[in-house]
Amino acid sequence: MTRLTHLDDTGAARMVDVGAKPATARQAIATGRITMAPVALALVRDATANKGDVLAVARIAGIMAAKRTADLIPLCHPLPLSRVAIDLTLLDDGVAVTATCATTGQTGVEMEALTAATVALLTIYDMVKAVDKAMVIDGVRLLAKSGGKSGDWTAPDGR
């Protein structure tokens, strides 16, 4: 069984020491979606929500969240991100978010990508909740990561 790196020999939580690891180019891509009622989707699509352009604000929120991941996830290392991209795609019943984060560093950017996607989705919810409180956020997951000791990984199809 693989040993969990965030636990020491006594089982206590710890921040992993990455000091001896070489800095390598790393990238992670995460996704998620939010489904909503047609009236809410029209506000998003037409940029007519009372709070403003939902997609523009969600994009900025996702970027900001990636940059603040270490402040939110207790054992994450703060990373100098070289790229954060938030892609928002209108669907028939909602919005899909894809977050891509990159750095050259000693640890990966999976948590940054997942945080960026999640906060972008939460921002969409916040901005149109007045017309649809039943929106559903789901499917948040890592799609791919590259770089580092463990190498490249892509999510298996159908998952």
C-alpha atoms as a PDB file:
ATOM      1  CA  MET A   1       0.000   0.000   0.000  1.00  0.00           C
ATOM      2  CA  THR A   2       1.207   3.525  -0.778  1.00  0.00           C
ATOM      3  CA  ARG A   3       2.179   5.515   2.293  1.00  0.00           C
ATOM      4  CA  LEU A   4       0.387   8.835   2.736  1.00  0.00           C
ATOM      5  CA  THR A   5       3.006  11.568   2.530  1.00  0.00           C
ATOM      6  CA  HIS A   6       1.084  14.055   4.685  1.00  0.00           C
ATOM      7  CA  LEU A   7       1.380  11.807   7.753  1.00  0.00           C
ATOM      8  CA  ASP A   8       4.553  11.314   9.786  1.00  0.00           C
ATOM      9  CA  ASP A   9       5.629   8.011  11.377  1.00  0.00           C
ATOM     10  CA  THR A  10       3.269   8.587  14.316  1.00  0.00           C
ATOM     11  CA  GLY A  11       0.284   9.390  12.094  1.00  0.00           C
ATOM     12  CA  ALA A  12       0.354  13.128  12.765  1.00  0.00           C
ATOM     13  CA  ALA A  13      -0.368  15.533   9.917  1.00  0.00           C
ATOM     14  CA  ARG A  14       2.654  17.306   8.453  1.00  0.00           C
ATOM     15  CA  MET A  15       3.651  19.439   5.516  1.00  0.00           C
ATOM     16  CA  VAL A  16       5.765  17.340   3.161  1.00  0.00           C
ATOM     17  CA  ASP A  17       9.409  18.401   2.883  1.00  0.00           C
ATOM     18  CA  VAL A  18      10.018  18.982  -0.833  1.00  0.00           C
ATOM     19  CA  GLY A  19      13.342  20.765  -0.308  1.00  0.00           C
ATOM     20  CA  ALA A  20      15.469  18.033  -1.890  1.00  0.00           C
ATOM     21  CA  LYS A  21      13.241  17.582  -4.941  1.00  0.00           C
ATOM     22  CA  PRO A  22      14.330  19.173  -8.209  1.00  0.00           C
ATOM     23  CA  ALA A  23      12.187  21.939  -9.672  1.00  0.00           C
ATOM     24  CA  THR A  24      10.439  20.703 -12.802  1.00  0.00           C
ATOM     25  CA  ALA A  25       7.737  22.029 -15.098  1.00  0.00           C
ATOM     26  CA  ARG A  26       4.362  20.920 -13.801  1.00  0.00           C
ATOM     27  CA  GLN A  27       0.802  21.342 -15.020  1.00  0.00           C
ATOM     28  CA  ALA A  28      -2.604  20.165 -13.841  1.00  0.00           C
ATOM     29  CA  ILE A  29      -6.047  20.354 -15.424  1.00  0.00           C
ATOM     30  CA  ALA A  30      -9.263  20.053 -13.401  1.00  0.00           C
ATOM     31  CA  THR A  31     -12.900  20.256 -14.394  1.00  0.00           C
ATOM     32  CA  GLY A  32     -16.395  20.492 -12.976  1.00  0.00           C
ATOM     33  CA  ARG A  33     -19.861  21.600 -13.974  1.00  0.00           C
ATOM     34  CA  ILE A  34     -22.915  23.341 -12.642  1.00  0.00           C
ATOM     35  CA  THR A  35     -26.414  22.561 -13.849  1.00  0.00           C
ATOM     36  CA  MET A  36     -29.190  25.119 -13.556  1.00  0.00           C
ATOM     37  CA  ALA A  37     -32.683  26.080 -14.606  1.00  0.00           C
ATOM     38  CA  PRO A  38     -33.138  27.633 -18.055  1.00  0.00           C
ATOM     39  CA  VAL A  39     -33.917  31.059 -16.539  1.00  0.00           C
ATOM     40  CA  ALA A  40     -30.589  31.089 -14.682  1.00  0.00           C
ATOM     41  CA  LEU A  41     -28.699  29.852 -17.728  1.00  0.00           C
ATOM     42  CA  ALA A  42     -30.189  32.673 -19.804  1.00  0.00           C
ATOM     43  CA  LEU A  43     -28.847  35.220 -17.301  1.00  0.00           C
ATOM     44  CA  VAL A  44     -25.394  33.634 -17.514  1.00  0.00           C
ATOM     45  CA  ARG A  45     -25.443  33.315 -21.304  1.00  0.00           C
ATOM     46  CA  ASP A  46     -26.705  36.851 -21.893  1.00  0.00           C
ATOM     47  CA  ALA A  47     -24.534  38.453 -19.154  1.00  0.00           C
ATOM     48  CA  THR A  48     -27.674  40.033 -17.660  1.00  0.00           C
ATOM     49  CA  ALA A  49     -27.497  38.816 -14.047  1.00  0.00           C
ATOM     50  CA  ASN A  50     -28.064  41.560 -11.462  1.00  0.00           C
ATOM     51  CA  LYS A  51     -24.559  40.983 -10.094  1.00  0.00           C
ATOM     52  CA  GLY A  52     -22.909  41.407 -13.511  1.00  0.00           C
ATOM     53  CA  ASP A  53     -21.186  39.250 -16.118  1.00  0.00           C
ATOM     54  CA  VAL A  54     -21.229  35.846 -14.418  1.00  0.00           C
ATOM     55  CA  LEU A  55     -18.643  34.184 -16.654  1.00  0.00           C
ATOM     56  CA  ALA A  56     -16.165  37.068 -16.415  1.00  0.00           C
ATOM     57  CA  VAL A  57     -16.421  37.166 -12.633  1.00  0.00           C
ATOM     58  CA  ALA A  58     -16.167  33.349 -12.355  1.00  0.00           C
ATOM     59  CA  ARG A  59     -12.997  33.397 -14.484  1.00  0.00           C
ATOM     60  CA  ILE A  60     -11.356  35.993 -12.217  1.00  0.00           C
ATOM     61  CA  ALA A  61     -12.527  34.145  -9.088  1.00  0.00           C
ATOM     62  CA  GLY A  62     -10.972  30.907 -10.343  1.00  0.00           C
ATOM     63  CA  ILE A  63      -7.659  32.621 -11.045  1.00  0.00           C
ATOM     64  CA  MET A  64      -7.658  34.278  -7.636  1.00  0.00           C
ATOM     65  CA  ALA A  65      -8.506  30.984  -5.938  1.00  0.00           C
ATOM     66  CA  ALA A  66      -5.613  29.168  -7.596  1.00  0.00           C
ATOM     67  CA  LYS A  67      -3.264  31.837  -6.278  1.00  0.00           C
ATOM     68  CA  ARG A  68      -4.651  31.436  -2.737  1.00  0.00           C
ATOM     69  CA  THR A  69      -4.815  27.634  -2.536  1.00  0.00           C
ATOM     70  CA  ALA A  70      -2.129  27.363   0.149  1.00  0.00           C
ATOM     71  CA  ASP A  71      -4.221  29.708   2.329  1.00  0.00           C
ATOM     72  CA  LEU A  72      -7.235  27.403   1.995  1.00  0.00           C
ATOM     73  CA  ILE A  73      -5.800  23.874   2.041  1.00  0.00           C
ATOM     74  CA  PRO A  74      -3.758  23.496   5.249  1.00  0.00           C
ATOM     75  CA  LEU A  75      -0.875  21.315   4.037  1.00  0.00           C
ATOM     76  CA  CYS A  76      -0.406  22.775   0.535  1.00  0.00           C
ATOM     77  CA  HIS A  77       2.805  24.547  -0.342  1.00  0.00           C
ATOM     78  CA  PRO A  78       2.509  28.094  -1.664  1.00  0.00           C
ATOM     79  CA  LEU A  79       3.489  27.964  -5.324  1.00  0.00           C
ATOM     80  CA  PRO A  80       4.668  30.569  -7.810  1.00  0.00           C
ATOM     81  CA  LEU A  81       2.129  29.927 -10.540  1.00  0.00           C
ATOM     82  CA  SER A  82       3.284  30.721 -14.052  1.00  0.00           C
ATOM     83  CA  ARG A  83      -0.121  30.145 -15.637  1.00  0.00           C
ATOM     84  CA  VAL A  84      -3.747  29.898 -14.601  1.00  0.00           C
ATOM     85  CA  ALA A  85      -6.404  29.558 -17.285  1.00  0.00           C
ATOM     86  CA  ILE A  86     -10.117  29.209 -16.614  1.00  0.00           C
ATOM     87  CA  ASP A  87     -12.197  28.026 -19.567  1.00  0.00           C
ATOM     88  CA  LEU A  88     -15.971  28.270 -19.253  1.00  0.00           C
ATOM     89  CA  THR A  89     -18.249  26.418 -21.663  1.00  0.00           C
ATOM     90  CA  LEU A  90     -21.988  26.952 -21.877  1.00  0.00           C
ATOM     91  CA  LEU A  91     -23.903  23.673 -21.927  1.00  0.00           C
ATOM     92  CA  ASP A  92     -27.574  23.009 -22.655  1.00  0.00           C
ATOM     93  CA  ASP A  93     -28.238  22.836 -18.919  1.00  0.00           C
ATOM     94  CA  GLY A  94     -25.403  24.762 -17.288  1.00  0.00           C
ATOM     95  CA  VAL A  95     -21.725  25.606 -17.443  1.00  0.00           C
ATOM     96  CA  ALA A  96     -18.586  23.458 -17.560  1.00  0.00           C
ATOM     97  CA  VAL A  97     -15.372  24.814 -16.061  1.00  0.00           C
ATOM     98  CA  THR A  98     -11.867  23.685 -16.955  1.00  0.00           C
ATOM     99  CA  ALA A  99      -8.978  25.067 -14.912  1.00  0.00           C
ATOM    100  CA  THR A 100      -5.357  24.715 -16.009  1.00  0.00           C
ATOM    101  CA  CYS A 101      -2.520  25.632 -13.672  1.00  0.00           C
ATOM    102  CA  ALA A 102       1.218  25.515 -14.322  1.00  0.00           C
ATOM    103  CA  THR A 103       4.427  26.173 -12.434  1.00  0.00           C
ATOM    104  CA  THR A 104       8.058  25.208 -12.349  1.00  0.00           C
ATOM    105  CA  GLY A 105       8.576  23.930  -8.863  1.00  0.00           C
ATOM    106  CA  GLN A 106       9.191  21.110  -6.440  1.00  0.00           C
ATOM    107  CA  THR A 107       5.571  20.032  -6.027  1.00  0.00           C
ATOM    108  CA  GLY A 108       2.534  19.716  -8.252  1.00  0.00           C
ATOM    109  CA  VAL A 109      -0.358  22.046  -8.999  1.00  0.00           C
ATOM    110  CA  GLU A 110      -3.262  19.602  -8.765  1.00  0.00           C
ATOM    111  CA  MET A 111      -4.770  21.320  -5.728  1.00  0.00           C
ATOM    112  CA  GLU A 112      -4.523  24.707  -7.411  1.00  0.00           C
ATOM    113  CA  ALA A 113      -6.394  23.466 -10.474  1.00  0.00           C
ATOM    114  CA  LEU A 114      -9.079  21.759  -8.368  1.00  0.00           C
ATOM    115  CA  THR A 115      -9.477  24.844  -6.176  1.00  0.00           C
ATOM    116  CA  ALA A 116      -9.705  27.136  -9.204  1.00  0.00           C
ATOM    117  CA  ALA A 117     -12.416  24.999 -10.828  1.00  0.00           C
ATOM    118  CA  THR A 118     -14.394  24.713  -7.605  1.00  0.00           C
ATOM    119  CA  VAL A 119     -14.324  28.410  -6.766  1.00  0.00           C
ATOM    120  CA  ALA A 120     -15.284  29.359 -10.327  1.00  0.00           C
ATOM    121  CA  LEU A 121     -18.317  27.062  -9.979  1.00  0.00           C
ATOM    122  CA  LEU A 122     -19.196  28.460  -6.560  1.00  0.00           C
ATOM    123  CA  THR A 123     -19.011  31.963  -7.987  1.00  0.00           C
ATOM    124  CA  ILE A 124     -21.473  31.064 -10.722  1.00  0.00           C
ATOM    125  CA  TYR A 125     -23.794  29.669  -8.059  1.00  0.00           C
ATOM    126  CA  ASP A 126     -23.472  32.811  -5.946  1.00  0.00           C
ATOM    127  CA  MET A 127     -24.196  35.130  -8.827  1.00  0.00           C
ATOM    128  CA  VAL A 128     -27.475  33.487  -9.946  1.00  0.00           C
ATOM    129  CA  LYS A 129     -28.735  31.832  -6.762  1.00  0.00           C
ATOM    130  CA  ALA A 130     -31.467  34.463  -6.491  1.00  0.00           C
ATOM    131  CA  VAL A 131     -33.247  32.818  -9.435  1.00  0.00           C
ATOM    132  CA  ASP A 132     -32.205  29.158  -8.927  1.00  0.00           C
ATOM    133  CA  LYS A 133     -31.226  27.821  -5.513  1.00  0.00           C
ATOM    134  CA  ALA A 134     -31.456  24.229  -6.811  1.00  0.00           C
ATOM    135  CA  MET A 135     -28.329  24.433  -8.987  1.00  0.00           C
ATOM    136  CA  VAL A 136     -26.047  21.405  -8.695  1.00  0.00           C
ATOM    137  CA  ILE A 137     -22.260  21.487  -8.761  1.00  0.00           C
ATOM    138  CA  ASP A 138     -20.763  18.118  -9.624  1.00  0.00           C
ATOM    139  CA  GLY A 139     -18.051  16.271 -11.466  1.00  0.00           C
ATOM    140  CA  VAL A 140     -15.171  18.231  -9.933  1.00  0.00           C
ATOM    141  CA  ARG A 141     -12.100  16.139 -10.630  1.00  0.00           C
ATOM    142  CA  LEU A 142      -8.564  16.087 -11.884  1.00  0.00           C
ATOM    143  CA  LEU A 143      -8.347  15.416 -15.620  1.00  0.00           C
ATOM    144  CA  ALA A 144      -4.581  15.349 -16.041  1.00  0.00           C
ATOM    145  CA  LYS A 145      -1.268  16.264 -14.476  1.00  0.00           C
ATOM    146  CA  SER A 146       2.245  16.362 -15.827  1.00  0.00           C
ATOM    147  CA  GLY A 147       5.720  16.709 -14.413  1.00  0.00           C
ATOM    148  CA  GLY A 148       7.339  15.670 -11.183  1.00  0.00           C
ATOM    149  CA  LYS A 149       8.565  12.351  -9.855  1.00  0.00           C
ATOM    150  CA  SER A 150       5.325  10.488 -10.587  1.00  0.00           C
ATOM    151  CA  GLY A 151       5.273  11.704 -14.193  1.00  0.00           C
ATOM    152  CA  ASP A 152       2.240  12.248 -16.357  1.00  0.00           C
ATOM    153  CA  TRP A 153      -1.259  11.070 -15.469  1.00  0.00           C
ATOM    154  CA  THR A 154      -4.563  11.307 -17.328  1.00  0.00           C
ATOM    155  CA  ALA A 155      -7.943  10.385 -15.896  1.00  0.00           C
ATOM    156  CA  PRO A 156      -9.262   7.120 -17.237  1.00  0.00           C
ATOM    157  CA  ASP A 157     -12.175   7.394 -19.677  1.00  0.00           C
ATOM    158  CA  GLY A 158     -15.646   7.036 -18.279  1.00  0.00           C
ATOM    159  CA  ARG A 159     -14.769   8.273 -14.815  1.00  0.00           C
END
